[in-house]
Amino acid sequence: MNLLSCIEAQAARLTEAGVSFGHGTLNAFDEAAWLLLWRLGLPLDALADHELQELSADDLASIEALIALRISSRKPAAYLTQEAWLQGVAFYVDERAIVPRSLIAELIADASIDAWLPESTSLVLDLCTGNGSLAVLAALAWPEVQIDAVDLSAEALQVARINVDRHGLQARIKLAQGDGLAPVAGRRYDLILCNPPYVNASSMATLPQEYLAEPQLALAGGADGMDFVRQLLAQASEHLTEHGVLLLEIGNEHEFFEAAFPQLELAWMETSAGEKQVLLVTQESMKKAAKP
């Protein structure tokens, strides 16, 4: 059996088993291709070059076992490979941190944020950094910027340390553990990036097993998903420079966000998942909303 035929067969197994996607792939074929290429030690972008490659009996047995594990464990593929890709950059990941998939990564990569940043931008905060992927992408996009990366989870920060070291960014990214903005008290940023826990309680109750394999601390946002966001917006102005901005991902919770912050002027950023997934708020808007 050649590689392409094997991928198609394994994709059919994944479909029949009813596994869920969304941690780097969106369908069974792409998920199977990722796992098979990884198992065979082939580059993930090299399927076209190897699709007719004949597989040995040992290869097939190893692949069968890997797909069986994906189905039985319901773990995201990224946890099985211990690697995730975001905007073409590879990151280490394991069960200590959420699988990186933030839409903020798109906005860093395509420079959508740049026009909003102060000309003298020098200090960025990545709040709820998880495995550190957004902090790394920000450091790669803006070579002159220093970055603080904060997370409540000490275990997630262990994973973030691996990624900061892997990309040689120890001198520019500082990791800190603690709740919300507490670890950076007294510091002001030109840009705060935040992909917080924002899934509402009703949605949490119906999440597929693949999402429940992730740290719930990184997902659950309370009854309306806005618990952490309320805390953040109550304090963010004190941590932004005069012309600083907050870039905040809230996923599918825009209705809950708008209900919680009806007076806040903001800009919705266009992403591959739609226009009401990531929002941008300026320091000026925060101060205006805070006035009685």
C-alpha atoms as a PDB file:
ATOM      1  CA  MET A   1       0.000   0.000   0.000  1.00  0.00           C
ATOM      2  CA  ASN A   2       1.325   3.446  -0.826  1.00  0.00           C
ATOM      3  CA  LEU A   3       1.259   6.441   1.511  1.00  0.00           C
ATOM      4  CA  LEU A   4      -1.715   8.208  -0.072  1.00  0.00           C
ATOM      5  CA  SER A   5      -3.868   5.080  -0.005  1.00  0.00           C
ATOM      6  CA  CYS A   6      -2.906   4.497   3.610  1.00  0.00           C
ATOM      7  CA  ILE A   7      -3.837   8.049   4.568  1.00  0.00           C
ATOM      8  CA  GLU A   8      -7.235   7.624   2.937  1.00  0.00           C
ATOM      9  CA  ALA A   9      -7.793   4.341   4.767  1.00  0.00           C
ATOM     10  CA  GLN A  10      -6.789   5.783   8.136  1.00  0.00           C
ATOM     11  CA  ALA A  11      -8.922   8.883   7.542  1.00  0.00           C
ATOM     12  CA  ALA A  12     -11.879   6.564   7.057  1.00  0.00           C
ATOM     13  CA  ARG A  13     -11.084   4.915  10.409  1.00  0.00           C
ATOM     14  CA  LEU A  14     -11.015   8.306  12.137  1.00  0.00           C
ATOM     15  CA  THR A  15     -14.308   9.295  10.547  1.00  0.00           C
ATOM     16  CA  GLU A  16     -15.981   6.030  11.484  1.00  0.00           C
ATOM     17  CA  ALA A  17     -14.752   6.395  15.068  1.00  0.00           C
ATOM     18  CA  GLY A  18     -16.265   9.877  15.313  1.00  0.00           C
ATOM     19  CA  VAL A  19     -13.154  11.636  16.589  1.00  0.00           C
ATOM     20  CA  SER A  20     -13.218  15.442  16.774  1.00  0.00           C
ATOM     21  CA  PHE A  21     -10.779  17.844  15.167  1.00  0.00           C
ATOM     22  CA  GLY A  22      -9.779  21.455  15.712  1.00  0.00           C
ATOM     23  CA  HIS A  23      -6.328  21.140  17.254  1.00  0.00           C
ATOM     24  CA  GLY A  24      -4.343  21.828  14.114  1.00  0.00           C
ATOM     25  CA  THR A  25      -6.523  20.105  11.538  1.00  0.00           C
ATOM     26  CA  LEU A  26     -10.188  20.407  10.582  1.00  0.00           C
ATOM     27  CA  ASN A  27     -10.887  17.074   8.898  1.00  0.00           C
ATOM     28  CA  ALA A  28     -10.022  13.391   8.971  1.00  0.00           C
ATOM     29  CA  PHE A  29      -7.772  13.385   5.900  1.00  0.00           C
ATOM     30  CA  ASP A  30      -5.525  16.177   7.193  1.00  0.00           C
ATOM     31  CA  GLU A  31      -5.381  14.574  10.633  1.00  0.00           C
ATOM     32  CA  ALA A  32      -4.398  11.212   9.166  1.00  0.00           C
ATOM     33  CA  ALA A  33      -1.817  12.821   6.897  1.00  0.00           C
ATOM     34  CA  TRP A  34      -0.261  14.644   9.851  1.00  0.00           C
ATOM     35  CA  LEU A  35      -0.017  11.523  11.987  1.00  0.00           C
ATOM     36  CA  LEU A  36       1.294   9.298   9.191  1.00  0.00           C
ATOM     37  CA  LEU A  37       3.915  11.741   7.977  1.00  0.00           C
ATOM     38  CA  TRP A  38       5.070  12.245  11.548  1.00  0.00           C
ATOM     39  CA  ARG A  39       5.232   8.511  12.222  1.00  0.00           C
ATOM     40  CA  LEU A  40       7.271   7.980   9.051  1.00  0.00           C
ATOM     41  CA  GLY A  41       9.630  10.844   9.877  1.00  0.00           C
ATOM     42  CA  LEU A  42       8.656  12.799   6.776  1.00  0.00           C
ATOM     43  CA  PRO A  43       8.196  16.591   6.570  1.00  0.00           C
ATOM     44  CA  LEU A  44       4.579  17.600   7.085  1.00  0.00           C
ATOM     45  CA  ASP A  45       4.601  19.610   3.857  1.00  0.00           C
ATOM     46  CA  ALA A  46       6.030  16.792   1.758  1.00  0.00           C
ATOM     47  CA  LEU A  47       2.985  14.636   1.044  1.00  0.00           C
ATOM     48  CA  ALA A  48       3.033  15.405  -2.685  1.00  0.00           C
ATOM     49  CA  ASP A  49       6.638  14.200  -2.879  1.00  0.00           C
ATOM     50  CA  HIS A  50       5.958  10.922  -1.077  1.00  0.00           C
ATOM     51  CA  GLU A  51       2.306  10.017  -1.756  1.00  0.00           C
ATOM     52  CA  LEU A  52       3.229   7.052  -3.969  1.00  0.00           C
ATOM     53  CA  GLN A  53       5.872   5.737  -1.569  1.00  0.00           C
ATOM     54  CA  GLU A  54       5.223   2.083  -0.763  1.00  0.00           C
ATOM     55  CA  LEU A  55       4.966   1.291   2.937  1.00  0.00           C
ATOM     56  CA  SER A  56       6.518  -1.738   4.587  1.00  0.00           C
ATOM     57  CA  ALA A  57       4.677  -4.160   6.838  1.00  0.00           C
ATOM     58  CA  ASP A  58       6.418  -2.587   9.842  1.00  0.00           C
ATOM     59  CA  ASP A  59       5.351   0.889   8.707  1.00  0.00           C
ATOM     60  CA  LEU A  60       1.747  -0.240   8.372  1.00  0.00           C
ATOM     61  CA  ALA A  61       1.732  -1.898  11.782  1.00  0.00           C
ATOM     62  CA  SER A  62       3.169   1.218  13.425  1.00  0.00           C
ATOM     63  CA  ILE A  63       0.618   3.423  11.676  1.00  0.00           C
ATOM     64  CA  GLU A  64      -2.257   1.150  12.670  1.00  0.00           C
ATOM     65  CA  ALA A  65      -1.155   1.368  16.310  1.00  0.00           C
ATOM     66  CA  LEU A  66      -0.861   5.164  16.223  1.00  0.00           C
ATOM     67  CA  ILE A  67      -4.320   5.663  14.745  1.00  0.00           C
ATOM     68  CA  ALA A  68      -5.730   3.184  17.249  1.00  0.00           C
ATOM     69  CA  LEU A  69      -4.198   5.262  20.047  1.00  0.00           C
ATOM     70  CA  ARG A  70      -5.673   8.465  18.589  1.00  0.00           C
ATOM     71  CA  ILE A  71      -9.109   6.834  18.571  1.00  0.00           C
ATOM     72  CA  SER A  72      -8.966   5.132  21.967  1.00  0.00           C
ATOM     73  CA  SER A  73      -7.357   7.970  23.911  1.00  0.00           C
ATOM     74  CA  ARG A  74      -9.253  10.810  22.174  1.00  0.00           C
ATOM     75  CA  LYS A  75      -6.146  12.912  22.746  1.00  0.00           C
ATOM     76  CA  PRO A  76      -5.458  15.656  20.178  1.00  0.00           C
ATOM     77  CA  ALA A  77      -2.869  14.595  17.619  1.00  0.00           C
ATOM     78  CA  ALA A  78      -0.545  17.315  18.908  1.00  0.00           C
ATOM     79  CA  TYR A  79      -0.286  15.519  22.252  1.00  0.00           C
ATOM     80  CA  LEU A  80       0.652  12.282  20.494  1.00  0.00           C
ATOM     81  CA  THR A  81       3.332  13.937  18.353  1.00  0.00           C
ATOM     82  CA  GLN A  82       4.280  16.497  21.034  1.00  0.00           C
ATOM     83  CA  GLU A  83       4.438  19.101  18.299  1.00  0.00           C
ATOM     84  CA  ALA A  84       2.074  21.773  17.043  1.00  0.00           C
ATOM     85  CA  TRP A  85       2.448  24.258  14.222  1.00  0.00           C
ATOM     86  CA  LEU A  86       1.257  27.849  14.303  1.00  0.00           C
ATOM     87  CA  GLN A  87       1.817  30.147  11.320  1.00  0.00           C
ATOM     88  CA  GLY A  88       4.482  27.785  10.018  1.00  0.00           C
ATOM     89  CA  VAL A  89       6.436  27.756  13.283  1.00  0.00           C
ATOM     90  CA  ALA A  90       6.899  24.511  15.224  1.00  0.00           C
ATOM     91  CA  PHE A  91       6.196  24.362  18.957  1.00  0.00           C
ATOM     92  CA  TYR A  92       6.610  21.672  21.565  1.00  0.00           C
ATOM     93  CA  VAL A  93       3.407  20.806  23.424  1.00  0.00           C
ATOM     94  CA  ASP A  94       2.190  18.198  25.879  1.00  0.00           C
ATOM     95  CA  GLU A  95      -0.732  17.753  28.264  1.00  0.00           C
ATOM     96  CA  ARG A  96       0.597  20.427  30.629  1.00  0.00           C
ATOM     97  CA  ALA A  97      -0.530  23.174  28.227  1.00  0.00           C
ATOM     98  CA  ILE A  98      -3.392  23.804  25.833  1.00  0.00           C
ATOM     99  CA  VAL A  99      -2.699  22.954  22.186  1.00  0.00           C
ATOM    100  CA  PRO A 100      -1.794  26.298  20.542  1.00  0.00           C
ATOM    101  CA  ARG A 101      -4.350  27.485  17.986  1.00  0.00           C
ATOM    102  CA  SER A 102      -4.965  31.138  18.820  1.00  0.00           C
ATOM    103  CA  LEU A 103      -6.269  33.339  16.007  1.00  0.00           C
ATOM    104  CA  ILE A 104      -4.069  36.091  17.409  1.00  0.00           C
ATOM    105  CA  ALA A 105      -1.200  34.290  15.688  1.00  0.00           C
ATOM    106  CA  GLU A 106      -2.719  35.196  12.304  1.00  0.00           C
ATOM    107  CA  LEU A 107      -2.873  38.869  13.234  1.00  0.00           C
ATOM    108  CA  ILE A 108       0.756  38.883  14.325  1.00  0.00           C
ATOM    109  CA  ALA A 109       1.893  37.110  11.157  1.00  0.00           C
ATOM    110  CA  ASP A 110      -0.034  39.266   8.668  1.00  0.00           C
ATOM    111  CA  ALA A 111       0.874  42.534  10.440  1.00  0.00           C
ATOM    112  CA  SER A 112      -2.791  43.418  11.062  1.00  0.00           C
ATOM    113  CA  ILE A 113      -1.864  44.709  14.513  1.00  0.00           C
ATOM    114  CA  ASP A 114       1.055  46.869  13.443  1.00  0.00           C
ATOM    115  CA  ALA A 115      -0.969  49.906  12.425  1.00  0.00           C
ATOM    116  CA  TRP A 116      -2.464  50.081  15.916  1.00  0.00           C
ATOM    117  CA  LEU A 117       0.859  49.961  17.763  1.00  0.00           C
ATOM    118  CA  PRO A 118       2.689  53.025  19.094  1.00  0.00           C
ATOM    119  CA  GLU A 119       5.724  53.882  16.980  1.00  0.00           C
ATOM    120  CA  SER A 120       7.977  53.375  19.977  1.00  0.00           C
ATOM    121  CA  THR A 121       6.577  49.950  20.886  1.00  0.00           C
ATOM    122  CA  SER A 122       9.149  48.210  23.056  1.00  0.00           C
ATOM    123  CA  LEU A 123       7.332  46.117  25.655  1.00  0.00           C
ATOM    124  CA  VAL A 124       4.657  43.462  25.026  1.00  0.00           C
ATOM    125  CA  LEU A 125       2.767  41.229  27.438  1.00  0.00           C
ATOM    126  CA  ASP A 126       1.463  37.792  26.459  1.00  0.00           C
ATOM    127  CA  LEU A 127      -1.092  37.037  29.166  1.00  0.00           C
ATOM    128  CA  CYS A 128      -2.285  33.414  29.544  1.00  0.00           C
ATOM    129  CA  THR A 129       0.730  32.393  27.487  1.00  0.00           C
ATOM    130  CA  GLY A 130       0.191  28.619  27.732  1.00  0.00           C
ATOM    131  CA  ASN A 131       2.998  26.946  25.799  1.00  0.00           C
ATOM    132  CA  GLY A 132       4.475  30.348  24.923  1.00  0.00           C
ATOM    133  CA  SER A 133       3.631  30.265  21.221  1.00  0.00           C
ATOM    134  CA  LEU A 134       2.225  33.805  20.955  1.00  0.00           C
ATOM    135  CA  ALA A 135       5.165  35.220  22.875  1.00  0.00           C
ATOM    136  CA  VAL A 136       7.558  33.480  20.480  1.00  0.00           C
ATOM    137  CA  LEU A 137       5.649  34.635  17.392  1.00  0.00           C
ATOM    138  CA  ALA A 138       5.585  38.200  18.725  1.00  0.00           C
ATOM    139  CA  ALA A 139       9.329  38.097  19.327  1.00  0.00           C
ATOM    140  CA  LEU A 140       9.923  36.828  15.798  1.00  0.00           C
ATOM    141  CA  ALA A 141       7.620  39.464  14.270  1.00  0.00           C
ATOM    142  CA  TRP A 142       9.025  42.429  16.234  1.00  0.00           C
ATOM    143  CA  PRO A 143      12.780  41.873  16.745  1.00  0.00           C
ATOM    144  CA  GLU A 144      13.269  45.007  18.876  1.00  0.00           C
ATOM    145  CA  VAL A 145      10.544  44.176  21.388  1.00  0.00           C
ATOM    146  CA  GLN A 146      10.897  42.686  24.869  1.00  0.00           C
ATOM    147  CA  ILE A 147       8.126  40.344  25.983  1.00  0.00           C
ATOM    148  CA  ASP A 148       6.734  39.251  29.329  1.00  0.00           C
ATOM    149  CA  ALA A 149       4.786  35.970  29.199  1.00  0.00           C
ATOM    150  CA  VAL A 150       2.496  35.193  32.136  1.00  0.00           C
ATOM    151  CA  ASP A 151       0.383  32.178  33.066  1.00  0.00           C
ATOM    152  CA  LEU A 152      -1.335  30.945  36.209  1.00  0.00           C
ATOM    153  CA  SER A 153      -0.178  27.395  35.499  1.00  0.00           C
ATOM    154  CA  ALA A 154       3.371  26.605  36.549  1.00  0.00           C
ATOM    155  CA  GLU A 155       3.170  23.428  34.445  1.00  0.00           C
ATOM    156  CA  ALA A 156       2.227  25.367  31.307  1.00  0.00           C
ATOM    157  CA  LEU A 157       5.180  27.656  31.901  1.00  0.00           C
ATOM    158  CA  GLN A 158       7.474  24.619  31.950  1.00  0.00           C
ATOM    159  CA  VAL A 159       6.311  23.929  28.403  1.00  0.00           C
ATOM    160  CA  ALA A 160       6.694  27.613  27.491  1.00  0.00           C
ATOM    161  CA  ARG A 161      10.299  27.469  28.734  1.00  0.00           C
ATOM    162  CA  ILE A 162      11.003  24.630  26.306  1.00  0.00           C
ATOM    163  CA  ASN A 163       9.706  26.726  23.398  1.00  0.00           C
ATOM    164  CA  VAL A 164      11.473  29.919  24.411  1.00  0.00           C
ATOM    165  CA  ASP A 165      14.739  27.979  24.667  1.00  0.00           C
ATOM    166  CA  ARG A 166      14.102  26.092  21.413  1.00  0.00           C
ATOM    167  CA  HIS A 167      13.787  29.382  19.529  1.00  0.00           C
ATOM    168  CA  GLY A 168      16.735  30.992  21.306  1.00  0.00           C
ATOM    169  CA  LEU A 169      14.664  33.834  22.778  1.00  0.00           C
ATOM    170  CA  GLN A 170      15.734  33.629  26.418  1.00  0.00           C
ATOM    171  CA  ALA A 171      17.115  37.180  26.342  1.00  0.00           C
ATOM    172  CA  ARG A 172      13.884  38.690  25.048  1.00  0.00           C
ATOM    173  CA  ILE A 173      11.076  36.670  26.636  1.00  0.00           C
ATOM    174  CA  LYS A 174      10.636  36.657  30.404  1.00  0.00           C
ATOM    175  CA  LEU A 175       8.287  34.069  31.898  1.00  0.00           C
ATOM    176  CA  ALA A 176       6.304  34.752  35.068  1.00  0.00           C
ATOM    177  CA  GLN A 177       3.815  32.673  37.038  1.00  0.00           C
ATOM    178  CA  GLY A 178       0.743  34.097  38.724  1.00  0.00           C
ATOM    179  CA  ASP A 179      -2.897  35.112  38.523  1.00  0.00           C
ATOM    180  CA  GLY A 180      -3.795  37.591  35.795  1.00  0.00           C
ATOM    181  CA  LEU A 181      -1.794  40.803  35.874  1.00  0.00           C
ATOM    182  CA  ALA A 182      -0.514  40.323  39.421  1.00  0.00           C
ATOM    183  CA  PRO A 183       2.963  39.062  38.378  1.00  0.00           C
ATOM    184  CA  VAL A 184       3.590  42.260  36.368  1.00  0.00           C
ATOM    185  CA  ALA A 185       2.350  44.812  38.886  1.00  0.00           C
ATOM    186  CA  GLY A 186       3.676  48.292  38.121  1.00  0.00           C
ATOM    187  CA  ARG A 187       4.646  47.509  34.528  1.00  0.00           C
ATOM    188  CA  ARG A 188       3.037  49.152  31.503  1.00  0.00           C
ATOM    189  CA  TYR A 189       2.909  47.678  28.012  1.00  0.00           C
ATOM    190  CA  ASP A 190       2.491  49.009  24.502  1.00  0.00           C
ATOM    191  CA  LEU A 191       0.601  45.830  23.624  1.00  0.00           C
ATOM    192  CA  ILE A 192      -1.145  43.189  25.702  1.00  0.00           C
ATOM    193  CA  LEU A 193      -1.964  39.929  23.909  1.00  0.00           C
ATOM    194  CA  CYS A 194      -4.436  37.659  25.651  1.00  0.00           C
ATOM    195  CA  ASN A 195      -6.086  34.389  24.678  1.00  0.00           C
ATOM    196  CA  PRO A 196      -7.835  33.738  28.014  1.00  0.00           C
ATOM    197  CA  PRO A 197     -10.127  30.990  29.266  1.00  0.00           C
ATOM    198  CA  TYR A 198     -13.437  32.083  27.762  1.00  0.00           C
ATOM    199  CA  VAL A 199     -15.611  29.013  27.133  1.00  0.00           C
ATOM    200  CA  ASN A 200     -18.997  29.433  28.833  1.00  0.00           C
ATOM    201  CA  ALA A 201     -20.320  26.782  31.218  1.00  0.00           C
ATOM    202  CA  SER A 202     -22.952  25.477  28.817  1.00  0.00           C
ATOM    203  CA  SER A 203     -20.385  24.975  26.056  1.00  0.00           C
ATOM    204  CA  MET A 204     -17.912  23.381  28.479  1.00  0.00           C
ATOM    205  CA  ALA A 205     -20.536  20.744  29.297  1.00  0.00           C
ATOM    206  CA  THR A 206     -20.750  19.664  25.658  1.00  0.00           C
ATOM    207  CA  LEU A 207     -17.089  19.798  24.584  1.00  0.00           C
ATOM    208  CA  PRO A 208     -15.731  16.753  22.699  1.00  0.00           C
ATOM    209  CA  GLN A 209     -13.289  14.524  24.569  1.00  0.00           C
ATOM    210  CA  GLU A 210     -10.331  15.953  22.653  1.00  0.00           C
ATOM    211  CA  TYR A 211     -10.914  19.324  24.320  1.00  0.00           C
ATOM    212  CA  LEU A 212     -11.428  17.744  27.715  1.00  0.00           C
ATOM    213  CA  ALA A 213      -7.946  16.242  27.357  1.00  0.00           C
ATOM    214  CA  GLU A 214      -6.581  19.789  27.662  1.00  0.00           C
ATOM    215  CA  PRO A 215      -6.093  21.678  30.950  1.00  0.00           C
ATOM    216  CA  GLN A 216      -9.551  22.949  31.857  1.00  0.00           C
ATOM    217  CA  LEU A 217      -7.927  25.943  33.538  1.00  0.00           C
ATOM    218  CA  ALA A 218      -7.092  27.225  30.050  1.00  0.00           C
ATOM    219  CA  LEU A 219     -10.642  26.813  28.737  1.00  0.00           C
ATOM    220  CA  ALA A 220     -13.360  27.385  31.322  1.00  0.00           C
ATOM    221  CA  GLY A 221     -14.466  31.009  31.686  1.00  0.00           C
ATOM    222  CA  GLY A 222     -17.405  30.677  34.082  1.00  0.00           C
ATOM    223  CA  ALA A 223     -21.148  30.899  33.465  1.00  0.00           C
ATOM    224  CA  ASP A 224     -20.898  33.326  30.533  1.00  0.00           C
ATOM    225  CA  GLY A 225     -17.203  32.780  29.756  1.00  0.00           C
ATOM    226  CA  MET A 226     -16.308  36.266  30.911  1.00  0.00           C
ATOM    227  CA  ASP A 227     -14.916  35.674  34.427  1.00  0.00           C
ATOM    228  CA  PHE A 228     -11.257  36.224  33.519  1.00  0.00           C
ATOM    229  CA  VAL A 229     -12.112  38.871  30.922  1.00  0.00           C
ATOM    230  CA  ARG A 230     -13.929  40.979  33.539  1.00  0.00           C
ATOM    231  CA  GLN A 231     -10.898  40.810  35.799  1.00  0.00           C
ATOM    232  CA  LEU A 232      -8.604  41.738  32.931  1.00  0.00           C
ATOM    233  CA  LEU A 233     -10.592  44.718  31.675  1.00  0.00           C
ATOM    234  CA  ALA A 234     -10.933  46.078  35.197  1.00  0.00           C
ATOM    235  CA  GLN A 235      -7.135  46.282  35.442  1.00  0.00           C
ATOM    236  CA  ALA A 236      -5.764  46.501  31.901  1.00  0.00           C
ATOM    237  CA  SER A 237      -5.745  50.295  31.669  1.00  0.00           C
ATOM    238  CA  GLU A 238      -3.287  50.452  34.571  1.00  0.00           C
ATOM    239  CA  HIS A 239      -0.918  48.227  32.593  1.00  0.00           C
ATOM    240  CA  LEU A 240      -1.005  49.994  29.224  1.00  0.00           C
ATOM    241  CA  THR A 241       1.083  52.927  28.053  1.00  0.00           C
ATOM    242  CA  GLU A 242      -0.668  56.101  26.898  1.00  0.00           C
ATOM    243  CA  HIS A 243      -1.197  54.767  23.380  1.00  0.00           C
ATOM    244  CA  GLY A 244      -1.159  51.080  24.277  1.00  0.00           C
ATOM    245  CA  VAL A 245      -3.662  48.490  23.019  1.00  0.00           C
ATOM    246  CA  LEU A 246      -5.150  45.213  24.196  1.00  0.00           C
ATOM    247  CA  LEU A 247      -5.703  42.386  21.710  1.00  0.00           C
ATOM    248  CA  LEU A 248      -8.142  39.880  23.160  1.00  0.00           C
ATOM    249  CA  GLU A 249      -9.473  36.605  21.780  1.00  0.00           C
ATOM    250  CA  ILE A 250     -12.991  35.621  22.879  1.00  0.00           C
ATOM    251  CA  GLY A 251     -13.842  32.989  20.251  1.00  0.00           C
ATOM    252  CA  ASN A 252     -17.555  32.396  19.835  1.00  0.00           C
ATOM    253  CA  GLU A 253     -18.454  34.362  22.972  1.00  0.00           C
ATOM    254  CA  HIS A 254     -18.938  37.765  21.321  1.00  0.00           C
ATOM    255  CA  GLU A 255     -22.579  37.996  22.410  1.00  0.00           C
ATOM    256  CA  PHE A 256     -21.613  37.438  26.034  1.00  0.00           C
ATOM    257  CA  PHE A 257     -18.757  39.934  25.684  1.00  0.00           C
ATOM    258  CA  GLU A 258     -20.981  42.628  24.221  1.00  0.00           C
ATOM    259  CA  ALA A 259     -23.552  42.043  26.962  1.00  0.00           C
ATOM    260  CA  ALA A 260     -20.883  42.347  29.653  1.00  0.00           C
ATOM    261  CA  PHE A 261     -19.202  45.460  28.184  1.00  0.00           C
ATOM    262  CA  PRO A 262     -21.870  47.401  26.262  1.00  0.00           C
ATOM    263  CA  GLN A 263     -20.158  50.806  26.640  1.00  0.00           C
ATOM    264  CA  LEU A 264     -16.714  49.723  25.493  1.00  0.00           C
ATOM    265  CA  GLU A 265     -15.601  51.010  22.091  1.00  0.00           C
ATOM    266  CA  LEU A 266     -13.597  48.356  20.273  1.00  0.00           C
ATOM    267  CA  ALA A 267     -12.490  47.111  16.878  1.00  0.00           C
ATOM    268  CA  TRP A 268     -13.225  43.577  15.713  1.00  0.00           C
ATOM    269  CA  MET A 269     -10.282  42.089  13.834  1.00  0.00           C
ATOM    270  CA  GLU A 270     -10.801  40.017  10.706  1.00  0.00           C
ATOM    271  CA  THR A 271      -9.585  36.429  11.060  1.00  0.00           C
ATOM    272  CA  SER A 272      -9.951  33.154   9.185  1.00  0.00           C
ATOM    273  CA  ALA A 273     -12.695  32.203  11.656  1.00  0.00           C
ATOM    274  CA  GLY A 274     -14.695  35.405  11.165  1.00  0.00           C
ATOM    275  CA  GLU A 275     -14.822  38.994  12.318  1.00  0.00           C
ATOM    276  CA  LYS A 276     -16.054  38.583  15.900  1.00  0.00           C
ATOM    277  CA  GLN A 277     -13.446  36.258  17.355  1.00  0.00           C
ATOM    278  CA  VAL A 278     -10.663  38.693  18.278  1.00  0.00           C
ATOM    279  CA  LEU A 279     -11.093  42.281  19.404  1.00  0.00           C
ATOM    280  CA  LEU A 280      -8.815  45.238  19.926  1.00  0.00           C
ATOM    281  CA  VAL A 281      -9.288  47.901  22.599  1.00  0.00           C
ATOM    282  CA  THR A 282      -7.190  51.045  22.973  1.00  0.00           C
ATOM    283  CA  GLN A 283      -6.118  52.668  26.218  1.00  0.00           C
ATOM    284  CA  GLU A 284      -8.207  55.683  25.232  1.00  0.00           C
ATOM    285  CA  SER A 285     -11.323  53.546  24.873  1.00  0.00           C
ATOM    286  CA  MET A 286     -10.764  51.936  28.273  1.00  0.00           C
ATOM    287  CA  LYS A 287     -10.398  55.282  29.992  1.00  0.00           C
ATOM    288  CA  LYS A 288     -13.492  56.613  28.252  1.00  0.00           C
ATOM    289  CA  ALA A 289     -15.551  53.583  29.313  1.00  0.00           C
ATOM    290  CA  ALA A 290     -14.345  53.977  32.910  1.00  0.00           C
ATOM    291  CA  LYS A 291     -15.632  57.549  33.220  1.00  0.00           C
ATOM    292  CA  PRO A 292     -18.907  57.862  35.193  1.00  0.00           C
END
